[in-house]
Amino acid sequence: MPEGVRLGCSPLSWTNDVLEDLGDDTPLARCLSEMAEAGYEGTELGRKYPRTVSELAPILEAHHLSLASGWYSGRLAERSVEEEWEDVASHAQLLRALGCQTMVYGECGAMTPSAAPLDEPMSRRAVLDREAMKTYAHRLSAFDALLRARYGVRLAYHHHLMMVAENLQEIRALFDALSVETGLLLDTGHAMAAGFDYRRLIDRYGARICHIHLKDVRPAILERVRGQDMSFNAAVRAGMFTVPGDGCIDFSPLAQFVVQSGYRGWMVVEAEQDPALAPPLAAVTRGRAAIQSCFAGVLASV
C-alpha cells in the first residue's frame, strides 16, 4: 500500500450485525485471529466487540490490530443535533481513545416505518424531498463540526442502500448542501448496487473521501434482487455482496485515485455474506490479494 494508506477488514465476513444467525456461534477471538492471519492491519467494530477501552484495547493489541473506525446509527433525518449528541458520546470517546480519525455514520432515521425496515422490499425505502434534504444537511454539518471540535474525529458519511442517500442524485443533493468539511465514506458495493459507478463520487467529491469500504457485487444476484424487489436482508442472504475479486467491480480506478490523490487513511475490505457459505478466512484472504494486485499494477506504472 502507498505510504499512509492502511488496509483493514470488517468483521461482517464472520458475524453479521443485523442478521444475528449469520455467524452467531463464531467467537470474537477467531474473527480477529483470522483477520491478522490474512495480513490485515486493522478492523472496524462489530456487535461482538467490547465497547470500553479497558476491554477492547488489550484484545486488539493481542492480535496486532488497530481500530480503523466503527459504525454509528444516526437519526439526524428525524431528530435534532442536540438529541443526537446525547447518544454519540460513548461511541465517539471509544473511537478517539483508540486512535480513530473517522466515525462511520449510517443514517437510520426516516427509514420505512416498519419494525424491521431492512426486511421490507427495497422499493419501499424512505425518500427525502428537497427541503427535507437541506434541513438534514444542515444538521449533519453541525453534528460533524461538534464531533471534530470535541473529539477530533471526522464524520465519514456512508451512502447506503435503503437509507436516505442511496442513489447518485440523492448523494449529490446531500453533499452539495453539506459543509465542505463533512467527509464521505466511499463504498464501492453500495454504489454498484444503487445503480451507479463509484468513480462518479471520486470525480465530484474525491477531496472529501476520508474512509473507503472495499466491497464487490455478484451481478447475477444483483439482477435477481432488483427484478424481485427483494429486501436488503434478503439480498445479503442471497450473496449479493462479496469480497473484491469475486464480483464484477473494477478496483483499478480506485487504486489510481488513492495513489494519485495522496489519500491517507483506511480502506476496509467488507463483505456481508453467510460465513457458512463463504468461509471467512479464505474469502478475506482472496479480497486482500485482489486489492494488492490492483495497487501493484498502478504503482508499477507510476
C-alpha atoms as a PDB file:
ATOM      1  CA  MET A   1       0.000   0.000   0.000  1.00  0.00           C
ATOM      2  CA  PRO A   2       1.111   3.603  -0.543  1.00  0.00           C
ATOM      3  CA  GLU A   3       2.502   5.442   2.464  1.00  0.00           C
ATOM      4  CA  GLY A   4      -0.233   6.436   4.897  1.00  0.00           C
ATOM      5  CA  VAL A   5      -2.803   4.000   3.475  1.00  0.00           C
ATOM      6  CA  ARG A   6      -3.821   1.115   5.723  1.00  0.00           C
ATOM      7  CA  LEU A   7      -5.792  -1.979   4.820  1.00  0.00           C
ATOM      8  CA  GLY A   8      -8.369  -3.202   7.312  1.00  0.00           C
ATOM      9  CA  CYS A   9     -11.092  -5.822   7.392  1.00  0.00           C
ATOM     10  CA  SER A  10     -14.693  -5.739   8.561  1.00  0.00           C
ATOM     11  CA  PRO A  11     -15.946  -8.437  10.949  1.00  0.00           C
ATOM     12  CA  LEU A  12     -19.065  -8.821   8.776  1.00  0.00           C
ATOM     13  CA  SER A  13     -17.483 -11.755   6.971  1.00  0.00           C
ATOM     14  CA  TRP A  14     -17.609 -13.643  10.267  1.00  0.00           C
ATOM     15  CA  THR A  15     -20.644 -12.273  12.113  1.00  0.00           C
ATOM     16  CA  ASN A  16     -23.441 -10.137  10.704  1.00  0.00           C
ATOM     17  CA  ASP A  17     -24.516  -7.150  12.794  1.00  0.00           C
ATOM     18  CA  VAL A  18     -28.198  -7.322  11.790  1.00  0.00           C
ATOM     19  CA  LEU A  19     -28.795 -10.948  10.797  1.00  0.00           C
ATOM     20  CA  GLU A  20     -27.582 -12.389  14.050  1.00  0.00           C
ATOM     21  CA  ASP A  21     -27.973 -16.017  12.969  1.00  0.00           C
ATOM     22  CA  LEU A  22     -25.148 -15.477  10.455  1.00  0.00           C
ATOM     23  CA  GLY A  23     -22.039 -16.335  12.397  1.00  0.00           C
ATOM     24  CA  ASP A  24     -23.649 -16.084  15.818  1.00  0.00           C
ATOM     25  CA  ASP A  25     -21.586 -19.002  17.116  1.00  0.00           C
ATOM     26  CA  THR A  26     -18.290 -17.523  15.907  1.00  0.00           C
ATOM     27  CA  PRO A  27     -16.181 -16.215  18.811  1.00  0.00           C
ATOM     28  CA  LEU A  28     -14.551 -12.804  18.518  1.00  0.00           C
ATOM     29  CA  ALA A  29     -11.120 -14.345  19.042  1.00  0.00           C
ATOM     30  CA  ARG A  30     -11.466 -16.395  15.857  1.00  0.00           C
ATOM     31  CA  CYS A  31     -12.586 -13.373  13.888  1.00  0.00           C
ATOM     32  CA  LEU A  32      -9.607 -11.280  14.979  1.00  0.00           C
ATOM     33  CA  SER A  33      -7.018 -14.042  14.719  1.00  0.00           C
ATOM     34  CA  GLU A  34      -8.096 -14.838  11.159  1.00  0.00           C
ATOM     35  CA  MET A  35      -8.011 -11.148  10.190  1.00  0.00           C
ATOM     36  CA  ALA A  36      -4.433 -10.983  11.416  1.00  0.00           C
ATOM     37  CA  GLU A  37      -3.564 -14.279   9.712  1.00  0.00           C
ATOM     38  CA  ALA A  38      -4.876 -12.889   6.410  1.00  0.00           C
ATOM     39  CA  GLY A  39      -2.485  -9.944   6.775  1.00  0.00           C
ATOM     40  CA  TYR A  40      -4.788  -7.055   7.700  1.00  0.00           C
ATOM     41  CA  GLU A  41      -3.646  -4.159   9.862  1.00  0.00           C
ATOM     42  CA  GLY A  42      -6.949  -3.275  11.472  1.00  0.00           C
ATOM     43  CA  THR A  43     -10.637  -3.844  11.958  1.00  0.00           C
ATOM     44  CA  GLU A  44     -13.878  -1.951  12.289  1.00  0.00           C
ATOM     45  CA  LEU A  45     -16.212  -2.532  15.215  1.00  0.00           C
ATOM     46  CA  GLY A  46     -18.816  -5.304  15.185  1.00  0.00           C
ATOM     47  CA  ARG A  47     -21.563  -6.404  17.538  1.00  0.00           C
ATOM     48  CA  LYS A  48     -19.324  -8.846  19.441  1.00  0.00           C
ATOM     49  CA  TYR A  49     -16.652  -6.270  20.254  1.00  0.00           C
ATOM     50  CA  PRO A  50     -16.398  -4.851  23.784  1.00  0.00           C
ATOM     51  CA  ARG A  51     -17.245  -1.157  23.857  1.00  0.00           C
ATOM     52  CA  THR A  52     -14.867   0.041  26.560  1.00  0.00           C
ATOM     53  CA  VAL A  53     -11.217   0.947  26.067  1.00  0.00           C
ATOM     54  CA  SER A  54     -10.108  -1.162  29.006  1.00  0.00           C
ATOM     55  CA  GLU A  55     -11.628  -4.280  27.453  1.00  0.00           C
ATOM     56  CA  LEU A  56     -11.108  -3.699  23.741  1.00  0.00           C
ATOM     57  CA  ALA A  57      -7.591  -2.231  23.628  1.00  0.00           C
ATOM     58  CA  PRO A  58      -5.779  -5.295  25.021  1.00  0.00           C
ATOM     59  CA  ILE A  59      -7.779  -7.630  22.763  1.00  0.00           C
ATOM     60  CA  LEU A  60      -6.790  -5.700  19.662  1.00  0.00           C
ATOM     61  CA  GLU A  61      -3.194  -5.421  20.835  1.00  0.00           C
ATOM     62  CA  ALA A  62      -3.008  -9.178  21.397  1.00  0.00           C
ATOM     63  CA  HIS A  63      -3.925  -9.697  17.745  1.00  0.00           C
ATOM     64  CA  HIS A  64      -1.674  -6.849  16.497  1.00  0.00           C
ATOM     65  CA  LEU A  65      -4.650  -4.979  15.064  1.00  0.00           C
ATOM     66  CA  SER A  66      -5.674  -1.320  15.164  1.00  0.00           C
ATOM     67  CA  LEU A  67      -9.208   0.034  15.251  1.00  0.00           C
ATOM     68  CA  ALA A  68      -9.993   1.624  11.880  1.00  0.00           C
ATOM     69  CA  SER A  69     -13.415   3.026  12.763  1.00  0.00           C
ATOM     70  CA  GLY A  70     -16.879   1.990  13.861  1.00  0.00           C
ATOM     71  CA  TRP A  71     -20.413   2.333  12.521  1.00  0.00           C
ATOM     72  CA  TYR A  72     -22.765   4.727  14.276  1.00  0.00           C
ATOM     73  CA  SER A  73     -26.511   4.511  13.618  1.00  0.00           C
ATOM     74  CA  GLY A  74     -27.517   8.156  13.440  1.00  0.00           C
ATOM     75  CA  ARG A  75     -31.048   9.550  13.248  1.00  0.00           C
ATOM     76  CA  LEU A  76     -30.489  13.147  12.195  1.00  0.00           C
ATOM     77  CA  ALA A  77     -33.042  12.766   9.416  1.00  0.00           C
ATOM     78  CA  GLU A  78     -35.716  12.855  12.089  1.00  0.00           C
ATOM     79  CA  ARG A  79     -34.265  14.420  15.233  1.00  0.00           C
ATOM     80  CA  SER A  80     -32.200  17.380  16.394  1.00  0.00           C
ATOM     81  CA  VAL A  81     -28.438  17.729  16.707  1.00  0.00           C
ATOM     82  CA  GLU A  82     -28.867  18.058  20.476  1.00  0.00           C
ATOM     83  CA  GLU A  83     -30.717  14.739  20.705  1.00  0.00           C
ATOM     84  CA  GLU A  84     -28.108  13.031  18.525  1.00  0.00           C
ATOM     85  CA  TRP A  85     -25.260  14.466  20.537  1.00  0.00           C
ATOM     86  CA  GLU A  86     -26.528  12.853  23.717  1.00  0.00           C
ATOM     87  CA  ASP A  87     -26.340   9.407  22.101  1.00  0.00           C
ATOM     88  CA  VAL A  88     -22.978   9.600  20.348  1.00  0.00           C
ATOM     89  CA  ALA A  89     -20.723  10.413  23.320  1.00  0.00           C
ATOM     90  CA  SER A  90     -19.630   6.940  24.412  1.00  0.00           C
ATOM     91  CA  HIS A  91     -19.038   5.812  20.825  1.00  0.00           C
ATOM     92  CA  ALA A  92     -17.015   8.906  19.951  1.00  0.00           C
ATOM     93  CA  GLN A  93     -14.977   8.600  23.141  1.00  0.00           C
ATOM     94  CA  LEU A  94     -14.100   5.000  22.298  1.00  0.00           C
ATOM     95  CA  LEU A  95     -13.010   5.895  18.767  1.00  0.00           C
ATOM     96  CA  ARG A  96     -10.884   8.801  19.971  1.00  0.00           C
ATOM     97  CA  ALA A  97      -9.231   6.764  22.699  1.00  0.00           C
ATOM     98  CA  LEU A  98      -8.248   4.056  20.227  1.00  0.00           C
ATOM     99  CA  GLY A  99      -6.798   6.475  17.699  1.00  0.00           C
ATOM    100  CA  CYS A 100      -9.534   6.578  15.065  1.00  0.00           C
ATOM    101  CA  GLN A 101      -9.628   9.570  12.722  1.00  0.00           C
ATOM    102  CA  THR A 102     -13.147   8.960  11.389  1.00  0.00           C
ATOM    103  CA  MET A 103     -16.548   7.734  12.543  1.00  0.00           C
ATOM    104  CA  VAL A 104     -18.699   5.826  10.056  1.00  0.00           C
ATOM    105  CA  TYR A 105     -22.123   7.484  10.067  1.00  0.00           C
ATOM    106  CA  GLY A 106     -25.099   5.498   8.740  1.00  0.00           C
ATOM    107  CA  GLU A 107     -28.496   7.214   8.631  1.00  0.00           C
ATOM    108  CA  CYS A 108     -31.113   5.053  10.335  1.00  0.00           C
ATOM    109  CA  GLY A 109     -33.721   7.763  10.790  1.00  0.00           C
ATOM    110  CA  ALA A 110     -36.657   8.287   8.426  1.00  0.00           C
ATOM    111  CA  MET A 111     -36.491   4.691   7.260  1.00  0.00           C
ATOM    112  CA  THR A 112     -39.512   2.678   6.135  1.00  0.00           C
ATOM    113  CA  PRO A 113     -42.000   2.743   9.051  1.00  0.00           C
ATOM    114  CA  SER A 114     -41.600  -0.899   9.974  1.00  0.00           C
ATOM    115  CA  ALA A 115     -40.328  -2.868  12.921  1.00  0.00           C
ATOM    116  CA  ALA A 116     -37.751  -4.393  10.564  1.00  0.00           C
ATOM    117  CA  PRO A 117     -37.145  -1.899   7.721  1.00  0.00           C
ATOM    118  CA  LEU A 118     -34.294  -3.912   6.216  1.00  0.00           C
ATOM    119  CA  ASP A 119     -36.761  -6.753   5.651  1.00  0.00           C
ATOM    120  CA  GLU A 120     -39.026  -4.550   3.525  1.00  0.00           C
ATOM    121  CA  PRO A 121     -38.780  -4.505  -0.290  1.00  0.00           C
ATOM    122  CA  MET A 122     -36.098  -2.010  -1.249  1.00  0.00           C
ATOM    123  CA  SER A 123     -38.597  -0.043  -3.348  1.00  0.00           C
ATOM    124  CA  ARG A 124     -40.332   0.985  -0.117  1.00  0.00           C
ATOM    125  CA  ARG A 125     -37.465   2.950   1.360  1.00  0.00           C
ATOM    126  CA  ALA A 126     -38.000   6.482   2.610  1.00  0.00           C
ATOM    127  CA  VAL A 127     -37.079   9.385   0.318  1.00  0.00           C
ATOM    128  CA  LEU A 128     -36.469  12.976   1.453  1.00  0.00           C
ATOM    129  CA  ASP A 129     -37.809  15.849  -0.597  1.00  0.00           C
ATOM    130  CA  ARG A 130     -35.597  18.823  -1.476  1.00  0.00           C
ATOM    131  CA  GLU A 131     -36.377  20.908   1.597  1.00  0.00           C
ATOM    132  CA  ALA A 132     -36.077  17.955   3.966  1.00  0.00           C
ATOM    133  CA  MET A 133     -32.691  17.126   2.446  1.00  0.00           C
ATOM    134  CA  LYS A 134     -31.470  20.689   3.019  1.00  0.00           C
ATOM    135  CA  THR A 135     -32.589  20.561   6.655  1.00  0.00           C
ATOM    136  CA  TYR A 136     -30.906  17.192   7.051  1.00  0.00           C
ATOM    137  CA  ALA A 137     -27.672  18.529   5.552  1.00  0.00           C
ATOM    138  CA  HIS A 138     -27.693  21.462   7.974  1.00  0.00           C
ATOM    139  CA  ARG A 139     -27.999  19.087  10.936  1.00  0.00           C
ATOM    140  CA  LEU A 140     -25.258  16.798   9.632  1.00  0.00           C
ATOM    141  CA  SER A 141     -22.894  19.706   9.109  1.00  0.00           C
ATOM    142  CA  ALA A 142     -23.463  20.965  12.645  1.00  0.00           C
ATOM    143  CA  PHE A 143     -23.073  17.477  14.090  1.00  0.00           C
ATOM    144  CA  ASP A 144     -19.814  16.909  12.194  1.00  0.00           C
ATOM    145  CA  ALA A 145     -18.433  20.250  13.399  1.00  0.00           C
ATOM    146  CA  LEU A 146     -19.169  19.297  17.006  1.00  0.00           C
ATOM    147  CA  LEU A 147     -17.641  15.857  16.521  1.00  0.00           C
ATOM    148  CA  ARG A 148     -14.411  17.314  15.184  1.00  0.00           C
ATOM    149  CA  ALA A 149     -14.224  20.076  17.792  1.00  0.00           C
ATOM    150  CA  ARG A 150     -14.983  17.886  20.801  1.00  0.00           C
ATOM    151  CA  TYR A 151     -13.390  14.569  19.871  1.00  0.00           C
ATOM    152  CA  GLY A 152     -11.072  15.238  16.922  1.00  0.00           C
ATOM    153  CA  VAL A 153     -12.976  12.632  14.889  1.00  0.00           C
ATOM    154  CA  ARG A 154     -14.346  13.353  11.421  1.00  0.00           C
ATOM    155  CA  LEU A 155     -17.742  12.131  10.263  1.00  0.00           C
ATOM    156  CA  ALA A 156     -17.470   9.720   7.303  1.00  0.00           C
ATOM    157  CA  TYR A 157     -20.934   9.646   5.764  1.00  0.00           C
ATOM    158  CA  HIS A 158     -21.905   6.200   4.446  1.00  0.00           C
ATOM    159  CA  HIS A 159     -24.138   6.247   1.357  1.00  0.00           C
ATOM    160  CA  HIS A 160     -26.162   3.063   1.775  1.00  0.00           C
ATOM    161  CA  LEU A 161     -28.972   1.028   0.264  1.00  0.00           C
ATOM    162  CA  MET A 162     -32.352   1.579   1.959  1.00  0.00           C
ATOM    163  CA  MET A 163     -31.216   4.844   3.512  1.00  0.00           C
ATOM    164  CA  VAL A 164     -31.955   8.441   2.523  1.00  0.00           C
ATOM    165  CA  ALA A 165     -28.780   8.896   0.448  1.00  0.00           C
ATOM    166  CA  GLU A 166     -28.787   5.759  -1.676  1.00  0.00           C
ATOM    167  CA  ASN A 167     -28.521   6.780  -5.330  1.00  0.00           C
ATOM    168  CA  LEU A 168     -26.200   9.256  -7.038  1.00  0.00           C
ATOM    169  CA  GLN A 169     -28.804  12.018  -7.266  1.00  0.00           C
ATOM    170  CA  GLU A 170     -29.508  11.836  -3.526  1.00  0.00           C
ATOM    171  CA  ILE A 171     -25.829  11.748  -2.593  1.00  0.00           C
ATOM    172  CA  ARG A 172     -25.216  14.825  -4.746  1.00  0.00           C
ATOM    173  CA  ALA A 173     -28.187  16.665  -3.263  1.00  0.00           C
ATOM    174  CA  LEU A 174     -26.889  15.945   0.219  1.00  0.00           C
ATOM    175  CA  PHE A 175     -23.189  16.648  -0.300  1.00  0.00           C
ATOM    176  CA  ASP A 176     -23.758  19.781  -2.323  1.00  0.00           C
ATOM    177  CA  ALA A 177     -25.700  21.131   0.681  1.00  0.00           C
ATOM    178  CA  LEU A 178     -23.285  19.914   3.374  1.00  0.00           C
ATOM    179  CA  SER A 179     -20.373  21.792   4.849  1.00  0.00           C
ATOM    180  CA  VAL A 180     -17.273  21.111   2.728  1.00  0.00           C
ATOM    181  CA  GLU A 181     -15.552  19.715   5.831  1.00  0.00           C
ATOM    182  CA  THR A 182     -18.021  16.823   6.144  1.00  0.00           C
ATOM    183  CA  GLY A 183     -16.380  13.632   4.936  1.00  0.00           C
ATOM    184  CA  LEU A 184     -17.613  10.936   2.569  1.00  0.00           C
ATOM    185  CA  LEU A 185     -17.222   7.208   3.007  1.00  0.00           C
ATOM    186  CA  LEU A 186     -16.878   5.675  -0.454  1.00  0.00           C
ATOM    187  CA  ASP A 187     -18.463   2.210  -0.604  1.00  0.00           C
ATOM    188  CA  THR A 188     -17.855   0.510  -3.939  1.00  0.00           C
ATOM    189  CA  GLY A 189     -20.503  -2.178  -3.424  1.00  0.00           C
ATOM    190  CA  HIS A 190     -23.302   0.121  -2.323  1.00  0.00           C
ATOM    191  CA  ALA A 191     -22.603   2.370  -5.308  1.00  0.00           C
ATOM    192  CA  MET A 192     -22.850  -0.543  -7.739  1.00  0.00           C
ATOM    193  CA  ALA A 193     -25.988  -1.926  -6.103  1.00  0.00           C
ATOM    194  CA  ALA A 194     -27.588   1.542  -6.182  1.00  0.00           C
ATOM    195  CA  GLY A 195     -27.044   1.724  -9.932  1.00  0.00           C
ATOM    196  CA  PHE A 196     -24.010   3.957 -10.435  1.00  0.00           C
ATOM    197  CA  ASP A 197     -20.250   3.739 -10.920  1.00  0.00           C
ATOM    198  CA  TYR A 198     -18.281   4.629  -7.780  1.00  0.00           C
ATOM    199  CA  ARG A 199     -15.964   6.725  -9.956  1.00  0.00           C
ATOM    200  CA  ARG A 200     -18.722   9.337 -10.191  1.00  0.00           C
ATOM    201  CA  LEU A 201     -18.170  10.049  -6.482  1.00  0.00           C
ATOM    202  CA  ILE A 202     -14.412  10.205  -6.917  1.00  0.00           C
ATOM    203  CA  ASP A 203     -14.792  12.689  -9.777  1.00  0.00           C
ATOM    204  CA  ARG A 204     -17.064  15.028  -7.818  1.00  0.00           C
ATOM    205  CA  TYR A 205     -16.090  14.525  -4.174  1.00  0.00           C
ATOM    206  CA  GLY A 206     -12.627  12.978  -4.233  1.00  0.00           C
ATOM    207  CA  ALA A 207     -11.186  15.565  -1.853  1.00  0.00           C
ATOM    208  CA  ARG A 208     -13.869  14.709   0.730  1.00  0.00           C
ATOM    209  CA  ILE A 209     -13.382  10.929   0.749  1.00  0.00           C
ATOM    210  CA  CYS A 210     -11.974  10.074   4.161  1.00  0.00           C
ATOM    211  CA  HIS A 211     -12.787   6.372   4.526  1.00  0.00           C
ATOM    212  CA  ILE A 212     -13.241   3.564   1.982  1.00  0.00           C
ATOM    213  CA  HIS A 213     -15.191   0.291   2.047  1.00  0.00           C
ATOM    214  CA  LEU A 214     -13.994  -2.271  -0.490  1.00  0.00           C
ATOM    215  CA  LYS A 215     -16.993  -4.400  -1.377  1.00  0.00           C
ATOM    216  CA  ASP A 216     -17.725  -6.358  -4.555  1.00  0.00           C
ATOM    217  CA  VAL A 217     -21.066  -7.358  -6.103  1.00  0.00           C
ATOM    218  CA  ARG A 218     -22.180 -10.533  -7.854  1.00  0.00           C
ATOM    219  CA  PRO A 219     -24.046  -9.192 -10.919  1.00  0.00           C
ATOM    220  CA  ALA A 220     -26.382 -12.156 -11.471  1.00  0.00           C
ATOM    221  CA  ILE A 221     -27.607 -11.945  -7.891  1.00  0.00           C
ATOM    222  CA  LEU A 222     -27.938  -8.152  -8.091  1.00  0.00           C
ATOM    223  CA  GLU A 223     -30.129  -8.573 -11.162  1.00  0.00           C
ATOM    224  CA  ARG A 224     -32.328 -11.045  -9.284  1.00  0.00           C
ATOM    225  CA  VAL A 225     -32.542  -8.735  -6.269  1.00  0.00           C
ATOM    226  CA  ARG A 226     -33.709  -5.857  -8.454  1.00  0.00           C
ATOM    227  CA  GLY A 227     -36.085  -7.982 -10.508  1.00  0.00           C
ATOM    228  CA  GLN A 228     -37.776  -9.442  -7.455  1.00  0.00           C
ATOM    229  CA  ASP A 229     -37.672  -6.215  -5.412  1.00  0.00           C
ATOM    230  CA  MET A 230     -36.020  -8.101  -2.576  1.00  0.00           C
ATOM    231  CA  SER A 231     -35.255  -6.626   0.820  1.00  0.00           C
ATOM    232  CA  PHE A 232     -31.749  -5.621   1.840  1.00  0.00           C
ATOM    233  CA  ASN A 233     -31.505  -8.519   4.274  1.00  0.00           C
ATOM    234  CA  ALA A 234     -32.716 -10.967   1.637  1.00  0.00           C
ATOM    235  CA  ALA A 235     -30.092  -9.629  -0.746  1.00  0.00           C
ATOM    236  CA  VAL A 236     -27.381 -10.218   1.838  1.00  0.00           C
ATOM    237  CA  ARG A 237     -28.588 -13.767   2.445  1.00  0.00           C
ATOM    238  CA  ALA A 238     -28.666 -14.376  -1.309  1.00  0.00           C
ATOM    239  CA  GLY A 239     -24.997 -13.405  -1.577  1.00  0.00           C
ATOM    240  CA  MET A 240     -25.256 -10.127  -3.485  1.00  0.00           C
ATOM    241  CA  PHE A 241     -22.151  -8.740  -1.774  1.00  0.00           C
ATOM    242  CA  THR A 242     -18.743 -10.394  -1.769  1.00  0.00           C
ATOM    243  CA  VAL A 243     -15.050  -9.587  -1.334  1.00  0.00           C
ATOM    244  CA  PRO A 244     -13.031  -7.770  -4.021  1.00  0.00           C
ATOM    245  CA  GLY A 245     -12.179 -10.057  -6.896  1.00  0.00           C
ATOM    246  CA  ASP A 246     -15.252 -12.263  -6.555  1.00  0.00           C
ATOM    247  CA  GLY A 247     -17.677  -9.955  -8.360  1.00  0.00           C
ATOM    248  CA  CYS A 248     -17.884  -7.508 -11.258  1.00  0.00           C
ATOM    249  CA  ILE A 249     -16.337  -4.315  -9.839  1.00  0.00           C
ATOM    250  CA  ASP A 250     -13.065  -2.995 -11.254  1.00  0.00           C
ATOM    251  CA  PHE A 251     -10.964  -1.682  -8.359  1.00  0.00           C
ATOM    252  CA  SER A 252      -8.115  -0.358 -10.511  1.00  0.00           C
ATOM    253  CA  PRO A 253      -9.650   3.148 -10.823  1.00  0.00           C
ATOM    254  CA  LEU A 254      -9.913   3.255  -7.032  1.00  0.00           C
ATOM    255  CA  ALA A 255      -6.248   2.330  -6.700  1.00  0.00           C
ATOM    256  CA  GLN A 256      -5.383   5.062  -9.200  1.00  0.00           C
ATOM    257  CA  PHE A 257      -7.355   7.595  -7.165  1.00  0.00           C
ATOM    258  CA  VAL A 258      -5.652   6.616  -3.917  1.00  0.00           C
ATOM    259  CA  VAL A 259      -2.166   6.774  -5.442  1.00  0.00           C
ATOM    260  CA  GLN A 260      -2.651   9.971  -7.452  1.00  0.00           C
ATOM    261  CA  SER A 261      -4.675  11.949  -4.909  1.00  0.00           C
ATOM    262  CA  GLY A 262      -2.449  11.280  -1.951  1.00  0.00           C
ATOM    263  CA  TYR A 263      -5.349   9.753   0.016  1.00  0.00           C
ATOM    264  CA  ARG A 264      -4.366   8.907   3.574  1.00  0.00           C
ATOM    265  CA  GLY A 265      -6.457   6.674   5.788  1.00  0.00           C
ATOM    266  CA  TRP A 266      -8.141   3.293   5.915  1.00  0.00           C
ATOM    267  CA  MET A 267      -9.500   1.052   3.216  1.00  0.00           C
ATOM    268  CA  VAL A 268     -11.625  -1.737   4.677  1.00  0.00           C
ATOM    269  CA  VAL A 269     -12.477  -4.992   2.910  1.00  0.00           C
ATOM    270  CA  GLU A 270     -16.117  -5.672   3.716  1.00  0.00           C
ATOM    271  CA  ALA A 271     -18.410  -8.452   2.517  1.00  0.00           C
ATOM    272  CA  GLU A 272     -21.743  -9.158   4.149  1.00  0.00           C
ATOM    273  CA  GLN A 273     -22.001 -12.875   3.477  1.00  0.00           C
ATOM    274  CA  ASP A 274     -23.174 -16.044   5.163  1.00  0.00           C
ATOM    275  CA  PRO A 275     -19.969 -17.444   6.699  1.00  0.00           C
ATOM    276  CA  ALA A 276     -21.324 -20.975   6.296  1.00  0.00           C
ATOM    277  CA  LEU A 277     -21.411 -20.441   2.519  1.00  0.00           C
ATOM    278  CA  ALA A 278     -18.312 -18.252   2.218  1.00  0.00           C
ATOM    279  CA  PRO A 279     -15.642 -19.371   4.735  1.00  0.00           C
ATOM    280  CA  PRO A 280     -14.316 -16.054   6.080  1.00  0.00           C
ATOM    281  CA  LEU A 281     -10.561 -16.644   6.191  1.00  0.00           C
ATOM    282  CA  ALA A 282     -10.389 -17.837   2.594  1.00  0.00           C
ATOM    283  CA  ALA A 283     -12.696 -15.026   1.424  1.00  0.00           C
ATOM    284  CA  VAL A 284     -10.864 -12.124   3.075  1.00  0.00           C
ATOM    285  CA  THR A 285      -7.506 -13.556   2.016  1.00  0.00           C
ATOM    286  CA  ARG A 286      -8.692 -13.501  -1.608  1.00  0.00           C
ATOM    287  CA  GLY A 287     -10.035  -9.984  -1.130  1.00  0.00           C
ATOM    288  CA  ARG A 288      -6.734  -8.682   0.190  1.00  0.00           C
ATOM    289  CA  ALA A 289      -4.820 -10.331  -2.654  1.00  0.00           C
ATOM    290  CA  ALA A 290      -7.146  -8.761  -5.235  1.00  0.00           C
ATOM    291  CA  ILE A 291      -6.654  -5.277  -3.811  1.00  0.00           C
ATOM    292  CA  GLN A 292      -2.905  -5.689  -3.519  1.00  0.00           C
ATOM    293  CA  SER A 293      -2.786  -6.796  -7.148  1.00  0.00           C
ATOM    294  CA  CYS A 294      -4.645  -3.643  -8.235  1.00  0.00           C
ATOM    295  CA  PHE A 295      -2.241  -1.428  -6.329  1.00  0.00           C
ATOM    296  CA  ALA A 296       0.810  -3.283  -7.618  1.00  0.00           C
ATOM    297  CA  GLY A 297      -0.334  -2.630 -11.168  1.00  0.00           C
ATOM    298  CA  VAL A 298      -0.955   1.071 -10.545  1.00  0.00           C
ATOM    299  CA  LEU A 299       2.293   1.633  -8.632  1.00  0.00           C
ATOM    300  CA  ALA A 300       4.286  -0.154 -11.322  1.00  0.00           C
ATOM    301  CA  SER A 301       3.024   2.347 -13.878  1.00  0.00           C
ATOM    302  CA  VAL A 302       3.840   5.446 -11.835  1.00  0.00           C
END
